[in-house]
Amino acid sequence: RLMLLLLEQEPTGETDELLYWFSRLSRDKRFARERLERREYFTREHRVSLRSFALLAAKDEQAEHSESTVHAS
């Protein structure tokens, strides 16, 4: 989701800016990195194997949010 949000902010595909923010936010304690399944891609000349990461709300953040939701209702 975060990458989609960043792409919306940078519709021209300024990848350096996107990578900078993704890298910076991945070290933020509010987020937890989840390793995704390795995928393989083929070009005319190469076979590329990539592992991606997803940035998710940290467990503490999720617990805080659910607690505040319970108190609000």
PDB file of N, CA and C in Angstrom:
ATOM      1  N   ARG A   1       0.821  -1.202   0.000  1.00  0.00           N
ATOM      2  CA  ARG A   1       0.000   0.000   0.000  1.00  0.00           C
ATOM      3  C   ARG A   1       0.859   1.257   0.000  1.00  0.00           C
ATOM      4  N   LEU A   2       1.916   1.212   0.774  1.00  0.00           N
ATOM      5  CA  LEU A   2       2.779   2.384   0.860  1.00  0.00           C
ATOM      6  C   LEU A   2       3.375   2.719  -0.500  1.00  0.00           C
ATOM      7  N   MET A   3       3.826   1.697  -1.218  1.00  0.00           N
ATOM      8  CA  MET A   3       4.427   1.949  -2.523  1.00  0.00           C
ATOM      9  C   MET A   3       3.386   2.532  -3.471  1.00  0.00           C
ATOM     10  N   LEU A   4       2.151   2.070  -3.390  1.00  0.00           N
ATOM     11  CA  LEU A   4       1.095   2.641  -4.232  1.00  0.00           C
ATOM     12  C   LEU A   4       0.870   4.108  -3.894  1.00  0.00           C
ATOM     13  N   LEU A   5       0.876   4.422  -2.605  1.00  0.00           N
ATOM     14  CA  LEU A   5       0.730   5.814  -2.184  1.00  0.00           C
ATOM     15  C   LEU A   5       1.878   6.654  -2.729  1.00  0.00           C
ATOM     16  N   LEU A   6       3.085   6.134  -2.620  1.00  0.00           N
ATOM     17  CA  LEU A   6       4.242   6.871  -3.132  1.00  0.00           C
ATOM     18  C   LEU A   6       4.163   7.045  -4.645  1.00  0.00           C
ATOM     19  N   LEU A   7       3.712   6.019  -5.342  1.00  0.00           N
ATOM     20  CA  LEU A   7       3.576   6.128  -6.800  1.00  0.00           C
ATOM     21  C   LEU A   7       2.538   7.181  -7.180  1.00  0.00           C
ATOM     22  N   GLU A   8       1.477   7.282  -6.386  1.00  0.00           N
ATOM     23  CA  GLU A   8       0.472   8.318  -6.644  1.00  0.00           C
ATOM     24  C   GLU A   8       1.072   9.707  -6.472  1.00  0.00           C
ATOM     25  N   GLN A   9       1.988   9.850  -5.518  1.00  0.00           N
ATOM     26  CA  GLN A   9       2.623  11.141  -5.280  1.00  0.00           C
ATOM     27  C   GLN A   9       3.641  11.481  -6.366  1.00  0.00           C
ATOM     28  N   GLU A  10       4.191  10.463  -6.993  1.00  0.00           N
ATOM     29  CA  GLU A  10       5.221  10.652  -8.020  1.00  0.00           C
ATOM     30  C   GLU A  10       4.772   9.987  -9.322  1.00  0.00           C
ATOM     31  N   PRO A  11       3.735  10.507  -9.968  1.00  0.00           N
ATOM     32  CA  PRO A  11       3.204   9.846 -11.166  1.00  0.00           C
ATOM     33  C   PRO A  11       4.204   9.765 -12.317  1.00  0.00           C
ATOM     34  N   THR A  12       5.223  10.610 -12.295  1.00  0.00           N
ATOM     35  CA  THR A  12       6.208  10.553 -13.377  1.00  0.00           C
ATOM     36  C   THR A  12       7.210   9.437 -13.152  1.00  0.00           C
ATOM     37  N   GLY A  13       7.098   8.744 -12.014  1.00  0.00           N
ATOM     38  CA  GLY A  13       7.978   7.614 -11.757  1.00  0.00           C
ATOM     39  C   GLY A  13       9.373   8.004 -11.335  1.00  0.00           C
ATOM     40  N   GLU A  14       9.487   9.030 -10.519  1.00  0.00           N
ATOM     41  CA  GLU A  14      10.796   9.443 -10.006  1.00  0.00           C
ATOM     42  C   GLU A  14      11.288   8.375  -9.039  1.00  0.00           C
ATOM     43  N   THR A  15      11.904   7.338  -9.581  1.00  0.00           N
ATOM     44  CA  THR A  15      12.225   6.164  -8.773  1.00  0.00           C
ATOM     45  C   THR A  15      13.244   6.446  -7.683  1.00  0.00           C
ATOM     46  N   ASP A  16      14.173   7.358  -7.895  1.00  0.00           N
ATOM     47  CA  ASP A  16      15.141   7.670  -6.843  1.00  0.00           C
ATOM     48  C   ASP A  16      14.424   8.177  -5.599  1.00  0.00           C
ATOM     49  N   GLU A  17      13.452   9.036  -5.802  1.00  0.00           N
ATOM     50  CA  GLU A  17      12.672   9.578  -4.686  1.00  0.00           C
ATOM     51  C   GLU A  17      11.861   8.474  -4.005  1.00  0.00           C
ATOM     52  N   LEU A  18      11.258   7.594  -4.805  1.00  0.00           N
ATOM     53  CA  LEU A  18      10.475   6.495  -4.247  1.00  0.00           C
ATOM     54  C   LEU A  18      11.346   5.562  -3.421  1.00  0.00           C
ATOM     55  N   LEU A  19      12.495   5.212  -3.947  1.00  0.00           N
ATOM     56  CA  LEU A  19      13.396   4.312  -3.228  1.00  0.00           C
ATOM     57  C   LEU A  19      13.904   4.950  -1.944  1.00  0.00           C
ATOM     58  N   TYR A  20      14.174   6.238  -2.002  1.00  0.00           N
ATOM     59  CA  TYR A  20      14.626   6.955  -0.807  1.00  0.00           C
ATOM     60  C   TYR A  20      13.583   6.845   0.300  1.00  0.00           C
ATOM     61  N   TRP A  21      12.326   7.156  -0.020  1.00  0.00           N
ATOM     62  CA  TRP A  21      11.281   7.146   1.001  1.00  0.00           C
ATOM     63  C   TRP A  21      10.956   5.739   1.465  1.00  0.00           C
ATOM     64  N   PHE A  22      10.942   4.787   0.549  1.00  0.00           N
ATOM     65  CA  PHE A  22      10.668   3.407   0.951  1.00  0.00           C
ATOM     66  C   PHE A  22      11.751   2.925   1.910  1.00  0.00           C
ATOM     67  N   SER A  23      12.997   3.228   1.589  1.00  0.00           N
ATOM     68  CA  SER A  23      14.115   2.834   2.445  1.00  0.00           C
ATOM     69  C   SER A  23      14.026   3.508   3.812  1.00  0.00           C
ATOM     70  N   ARG A  24      13.715   4.787   3.796  1.00  0.00           N
ATOM     71  CA  ARG A  24      13.639   5.543   5.057  1.00  0.00           C
ATOM     72  C   ARG A  24      12.496   5.048   5.936  1.00  0.00           C
ATOM     73  N   LEU A  25      11.335   4.840   5.332  1.00  0.00           N
ATOM     74  CA  LEU A  25      10.180   4.394   6.109  1.00  0.00           C
ATOM     75  C   LEU A  25      10.333   2.954   6.587  1.00  0.00           C
ATOM     76  N   SER A  26      11.082   2.149   5.847  1.00  0.00           N
ATOM     77  CA  SER A  26      11.263   0.758   6.268  1.00  0.00           C
ATOM     78  C   SER A  26      12.067   0.665   7.558  1.00  0.00           C
ATOM     79  N   ARG A  27      12.820   1.711   7.888  1.00  0.00           N
ATOM     80  CA  ARG A  27      13.577   1.726   9.147  1.00  0.00           C
ATOM     81  C   ARG A  27      12.791   2.384  10.284  1.00  0.00           C
ATOM     82  N   ASP A  28      11.642   2.949   9.959  1.00  0.00           N
ATOM     83  CA  ASP A  28      10.801   3.603  10.962  1.00  0.00           C
ATOM     84  C   ASP A  28      10.135   2.542  11.837  1.00  0.00           C
ATOM     85  N   LYS A  29      10.133   2.757  13.135  1.00  0.00           N
ATOM     86  CA  LYS A  29       9.581   1.770  14.072  1.00  0.00           C
ATOM     87  C   LYS A  29       8.063   1.599  13.940  1.00  0.00           C
ATOM     88  N   ARG A  30       7.402   2.512  13.252  1.00  0.00           N
ATOM     89  CA  ARG A  30       5.955   2.366  13.060  1.00  0.00           C
ATOM     90  C   ARG A  30       5.620   1.297  12.033  1.00  0.00           C
ATOM     91  N   PHE A  31       6.629   0.846  11.284  1.00  0.00           N
ATOM     92  CA  PHE A  31       6.409  -0.137  10.232  1.00  0.00           C
ATOM     93  C   PHE A  31       7.228  -1.392  10.486  1.00  0.00           C
ATOM     94  N   ALA A  32       6.714  -2.497  10.018  1.00  0.00           N
ATOM     95  CA  ALA A  32       7.441  -3.765  10.075  1.00  0.00           C
ATOM     96  C   ALA A  32       7.604  -4.256   8.642  1.00  0.00           C
ATOM     97  N   ARG A  33       8.816  -4.704   8.319  1.00  0.00           N
ATOM     98  CA  ARG A  33       9.047  -5.248   6.983  1.00  0.00           C
ATOM     99  C   ARG A  33       8.669  -6.715   6.966  1.00  0.00           C
ATOM    100  N   GLU A  34       7.905  -7.084   5.962  1.00  0.00           N
ATOM    101  CA  GLU A  34       7.549  -8.494   5.787  1.00  0.00           C
ATOM    102  C   GLU A  34       8.157  -8.973   4.482  1.00  0.00           C
ATOM    103  N   ARG A  35       8.919 -10.024   4.571  1.00  0.00           N
ATOM    104  CA  ARG A  35       9.568 -10.570   3.375  1.00  0.00           C
ATOM    105  C   ARG A  35       8.535 -11.325   2.556  1.00  0.00           C
ATOM    106  N   LEU A  36       8.452 -11.006   1.290  1.00  0.00           N
ATOM    107  CA  LEU A  36       7.506 -11.659   0.391  1.00  0.00           C
ATOM    108  C   LEU A  36       8.200 -12.790  -0.357  1.00  0.00           C
ATOM    109  N   GLU A  37       7.407 -13.596  -1.005  1.00  0.00           N
ATOM    110  CA  GLU A  37       7.911 -14.740  -1.759  1.00  0.00           C
ATOM    111  C   GLU A  37       8.839 -14.290  -2.890  1.00  0.00           C
ATOM    112  N   ARG A  38       9.916 -15.051  -3.083  1.00  0.00           N
ATOM    113  CA  ARG A  38      10.856 -14.757  -4.173  1.00  0.00           C
ATOM    114  C   ARG A  38      10.167 -15.022  -5.506  1.00  0.00           C
ATOM    115  N   ARG A  39      10.386 -14.121  -6.457  1.00  0.00           N
ATOM    116  CA  ARG A  39       9.796 -14.280  -7.794  1.00  0.00           C
ATOM    117  C   ARG A  39      10.885 -14.203  -8.837  1.00  0.00           C
ATOM    118  N   GLU A  40      10.683 -14.891  -9.922  1.00  0.00           N
ATOM    119  CA  GLU A  40      11.652 -14.878 -11.013  1.00  0.00           C
ATOM    120  C   GLU A  40      11.039 -14.206 -12.233  1.00  0.00           C
ATOM    121  N   TYR A  41      11.868 -13.402 -12.875  1.00  0.00           N
ATOM    122  CA  TYR A  41      11.456 -12.679 -14.073  1.00  0.00           C
ATOM    123  C   TYR A  41      12.447 -13.004 -15.176  1.00  0.00           C
ATOM    124  N   PHE A  42      11.956 -13.060 -16.393  1.00  0.00           N
ATOM    125  CA  PHE A  42      12.812 -13.374 -17.526  1.00  0.00           C
ATOM    126  C   PHE A  42      12.771 -12.238 -18.537  1.00  0.00           C
ATOM    127  N   THR A  43      13.939 -11.837 -18.980  1.00  0.00           N
ATOM    128  CA  THR A  43      14.043 -10.889 -20.084  1.00  0.00           C
ATOM    129  C   THR A  43      14.607 -11.667 -21.267  1.00  0.00           C
ATOM    130  N   ARG A  44      14.862 -10.995 -22.352  1.00  0.00           N
ATOM    131  CA  ARG A  44      15.439 -11.686 -23.507  1.00  0.00           C
ATOM    132  C   ARG A  44      16.805 -12.277 -23.185  1.00  0.00           C
ATOM    133  N   GLU A  45      17.540 -11.589 -22.334  1.00  0.00           N
ATOM    134  CA  GLU A  45      18.918 -12.005 -22.084  1.00  0.00           C
ATOM    135  C   GLU A  45      19.182 -12.516 -20.672  1.00  0.00           C
ATOM    136  N   HIS A  46      18.283 -12.248 -19.740  1.00  0.00           N
ATOM    137  CA  HIS A  46      18.593 -12.556 -18.346  1.00  0.00           C
ATOM    138  C   HIS A  46      17.431 -13.220 -17.623  1.00  0.00           C
ATOM    139  N   ARG A  47      17.801 -13.939 -16.605  1.00  0.00           N
ATOM    140  CA  ARG A  47      16.840 -14.470 -15.644  1.00  0.00           C
ATOM    141  C   ARG A  47      17.124 -13.740 -14.336  1.00  0.00           C
ATOM    142  N   VAL A  48      16.122 -13.053 -13.809  1.00  0.00           N
ATOM    143  CA  VAL A  48      16.299 -12.241 -12.611  1.00  0.00           C
ATOM    144  C   VAL A  48      15.439 -12.832 -11.495  1.00  0.00           C
ATOM    145  N   SER A  49      16.054 -13.025 -10.347  1.00  0.00           N
ATOM    146  CA  SER A  49      15.345 -13.538  -9.186  1.00  0.00           C
ATOM    147  C   SER A  49      15.322 -12.440  -8.127  1.00  0.00           C
ATOM    148  N   LEU A  50      14.124 -12.013  -7.743  1.00  0.00           N
ATOM    149  CA  LEU A  50      13.989 -10.904  -6.798  1.00  0.00           C
ATOM    150  C   LEU A  50      13.157 -11.306  -5.591  1.00  0.00           C
ATOM    151  N   ARG A  51      13.552 -10.781  -4.460  1.00  0.00           N
ATOM    152  CA  ARG A  51      12.741 -10.930  -3.252  1.00  0.00           C
ATOM    153  C   ARG A  51      12.279  -9.530  -2.863  1.00  0.00           C
ATOM    154  N   SER A  52      11.012  -9.385  -2.621  1.00  0.00           N
ATOM    155  CA  SER A  52      10.441  -8.085  -2.275  1.00  0.00           C
ATOM    156  C   SER A  52      10.068  -8.049  -0.802  1.00  0.00           C
ATOM    157  N   PHE A  53       9.801  -6.844  -0.348  1.00  0.00           N
ATOM    158  CA  PHE A  53       9.362  -6.635   1.021  1.00  0.00           C
ATOM    159  C   PHE A  53       8.104  -5.783   1.009  1.00  0.00           C
ATOM    160  N   ALA A  54       7.248  -6.021   1.980  1.00  0.00           N
ATOM    161  CA  ALA A  54       6.068  -5.185   2.185  1.00  0.00           C
ATOM    162  C   ALA A  54       6.265  -4.437   3.494  1.00  0.00           C
ATOM    163  N   LEU A  55       5.823  -3.200   3.538  1.00  0.00           N
ATOM    164  CA  LEU A  55       5.842  -2.438   4.791  1.00  0.00           C
ATOM    165  C   LEU A  55       4.442  -2.472   5.385  1.00  0.00           C
ATOM    166  N   LEU A  56       4.348  -2.999   6.586  1.00  0.00           N
ATOM    167  CA  LEU A  56       3.071  -3.113   7.277  1.00  0.00           C
ATOM    168  C   LEU A  56       3.129  -2.312   8.566  1.00  0.00           C
ATOM    169  N   ALA A  57       1.972  -1.988   9.098  1.00  0.00           N
ATOM    170  CA  ALA A  57       1.945  -1.314  10.400  1.00  0.00           C
ATOM    171  C   ALA A  57       2.567  -2.247  11.424  1.00  0.00           C
ATOM    172  N   ALA A  58       3.404  -1.708  12.287  1.00  0.00           N
ATOM    173  CA  ALA A  58       4.032  -2.516  13.328  1.00  0.00           C
ATOM    174  C   ALA A  58       2.965  -3.080  14.258  1.00  0.00           C
ATOM    175  N   LYS A  59       3.266  -4.186  14.891  1.00  0.00           N
ATOM    176  CA  LYS A  59       2.305  -4.838  15.799  1.00  0.00           C
ATOM    177  C   LYS A  59       1.838  -3.879  16.887  1.00  0.00           C
ATOM    178  N   ASP A  60       2.754  -3.083  17.437  1.00  0.00           N
ATOM    179  CA  ASP A  60       2.384  -2.118  18.479  1.00  0.00           C
ATOM    180  C   ASP A  60       1.385  -1.099  17.950  1.00  0.00           C
ATOM    181  N   GLU A  61       1.619  -0.629  16.722  1.00  0.00           N
ATOM    182  CA  GLU A  61       0.714   0.356  16.115  1.00  0.00           C
ATOM    183  C   GLU A  61      -0.663  -0.256  15.897  1.00  0.00           C
ATOM    184  N   GLN A  62      -0.701  -1.525  15.444  1.00  0.00           N
ATOM    185  CA  GLN A  62      -1.983  -2.185  15.210  1.00  0.00           C
ATOM    186  C   GLN A  62      -2.738  -2.344  16.521  1.00  0.00           C
ATOM    187  N   ALA A  63      -2.033  -2.719  17.590  1.00  0.00           N
ATOM    188  CA  ALA A  63      -2.677  -2.896  18.896  1.00  0.00           C
ATOM    189  C   ALA A  63      -3.224  -1.569  19.406  1.00  0.00           C
ATOM    190  N   GLU A  64      -2.433  -0.496  19.288  1.00  0.00           N
ATOM    191  CA  GLU A  64      -2.891   0.829  19.719  1.00  0.00           C
ATOM    192  C   GLU A  64      -4.142   1.236  18.972  1.00  0.00           C
ATOM    193  N   HIS A  65      -4.129   1.018  17.647  1.00  0.00           N
ATOM    194  CA  HIS A  65      -5.261   1.417  16.815  1.00  0.00           C
ATOM    195  C   HIS A  65      -6.512   0.630  17.203  1.00  0.00           C
ATOM    196  N   SER A  66      -6.369  -0.675  17.411  1.00  0.00           N
ATOM    197  CA  SER A  66      -7.543  -1.476  17.763  1.00  0.00           C
ATOM    198  C   SER A  66      -8.054  -1.113  19.154  1.00  0.00           C
ATOM    199  N   GLU A  67      -7.152  -0.792  20.089  1.00  0.00           N
ATOM    200  CA  GLU A  67      -7.584  -0.378  21.423  1.00  0.00           C
ATOM    201  C   GLU A  67      -8.340   0.940  21.364  1.00  0.00           C
ATOM    202  N   SER A  68      -7.834   1.894  20.598  1.00  0.00           N
ATOM    203  CA  SER A  68      -8.509   3.186  20.515  1.00  0.00           C
ATOM    204  C   SER A  68      -9.860   3.040  19.825  1.00  0.00           C
ATOM    205  N   THR A  69      -9.965   2.099  18.895  1.00  0.00           N
ATOM    206  CA  THR A  69     -11.241   1.865  18.228  1.00  0.00           C
ATOM    207  C   THR A  69     -12.251   1.303  19.224  1.00  0.00           C
ATOM    208  N   VAL A  70     -11.804   0.393  20.076  1.00  0.00           N
ATOM    209  CA  VAL A  70     -12.698  -0.196  21.073  1.00  0.00           C
ATOM    210  C   VAL A  70     -13.169   0.873  22.047  1.00  0.00           C
ATOM    211  N   HIS A  71     -12.262   1.738  22.499  1.00  0.00           N
ATOM    212  CA  HIS A  71     -12.644   2.785  23.439  1.00  0.00           C
ATOM    213  C   HIS A  71     -13.572   3.818  22.796  1.00  0.00           C
ATOM    214  N   ALA A  72     -13.438   4.010  21.504  1.00  0.00           N
ATOM    215  CA  ALA A  72     -14.245   5.024  20.830  1.00  0.00           C
ATOM    216  C   ALA A  72     -15.683   4.565  20.647  1.00  0.00           C
ATOM    217  N   SER A  73     -15.930   3.247  20.637  1.00  0.00           N
ATOM    218  CA  SER A  73     -17.285   2.779  20.369  1.00  0.00           C
ATOM    219  C   SER A  73     -18.106   2.602  21.611  1.00  0.00           C
TER     220      SER A  73
END
